[in-house]
Amino acid sequence: MKLRLAALLALLMLSACVRRGEVFEAGVYAVRSACPIAGIPAGTEDVTLFNPPSSRDSLAIDVTASISDVRTTCQDVGNDIVSTATFTVTALRRNAGPARQVVLPYFNVALQGGGRIVAKQVGQAVLNFPAGGTHAWTRAQATIRVNRAAATLPANVRAILTQRRKPGDPQAAVDPLSDPGVRRAVAEATFEHLVGFQLTQEQLRYNATR
């Protein structure tokens, strides 16, 4: 998941009296949150298991699974912001047979600045297929901690981003993020909470080319 820094121009640190989406003479304001942005990196939301494992024939597909319904909560714990993501893993097996358990690894990542992994854990989603059944599902949970100071914009950068700009003002036509220092500060203070299947290189290639 790549950050779109241009879109962060509207994510300003505002007082409590400003409501999300409220329109002012100088434009539309939104509230920037220090909570990590949750998501699933493209290409890691699905996994396909083959039998035999070396085959990539459609007739050899054994189990397919996907991650969906990602929901997060965010709370302050001491000097940290704790983000907890819950998500659903659903799976389908090709042949209904005896009861079977399939364990799928998933990653839990804290990403800073759109490209730097600052923390990573690998968990396991345990799926139990009932006898004679082809469907299984489970809910999984993943948590990251982010230092609040690291996720807070410096005061001088907040002042630049929240400066009121009136029509005709020369500064009104200048994108604050055109300043490399401001752009870098916004990126450094922006974190993402990412989950997805822990795939092999071969599985990633399969997802990209299927």
Foldseek 3Di string as FASTA:
>chain_A
DFDDLLVCLQAADDDPVDDQQDADQLGGHHHHDLDAAEDAPPLFQKFWAFVVRVDPDPVRTFKIKGKDDWDWDWDDDPQKIKIKIKIKMKMFGDDQAAKDKDKFKKKKFKDFLRHRTPDMDIDIDIWIAHHRGGMTMDMDMDMDIDGSVQLDFDPVLSCLSPPRDHPPRPCSPPRSCVPVVSSSRNRRNHIHTYMGTPDDPVRSVSSVPD
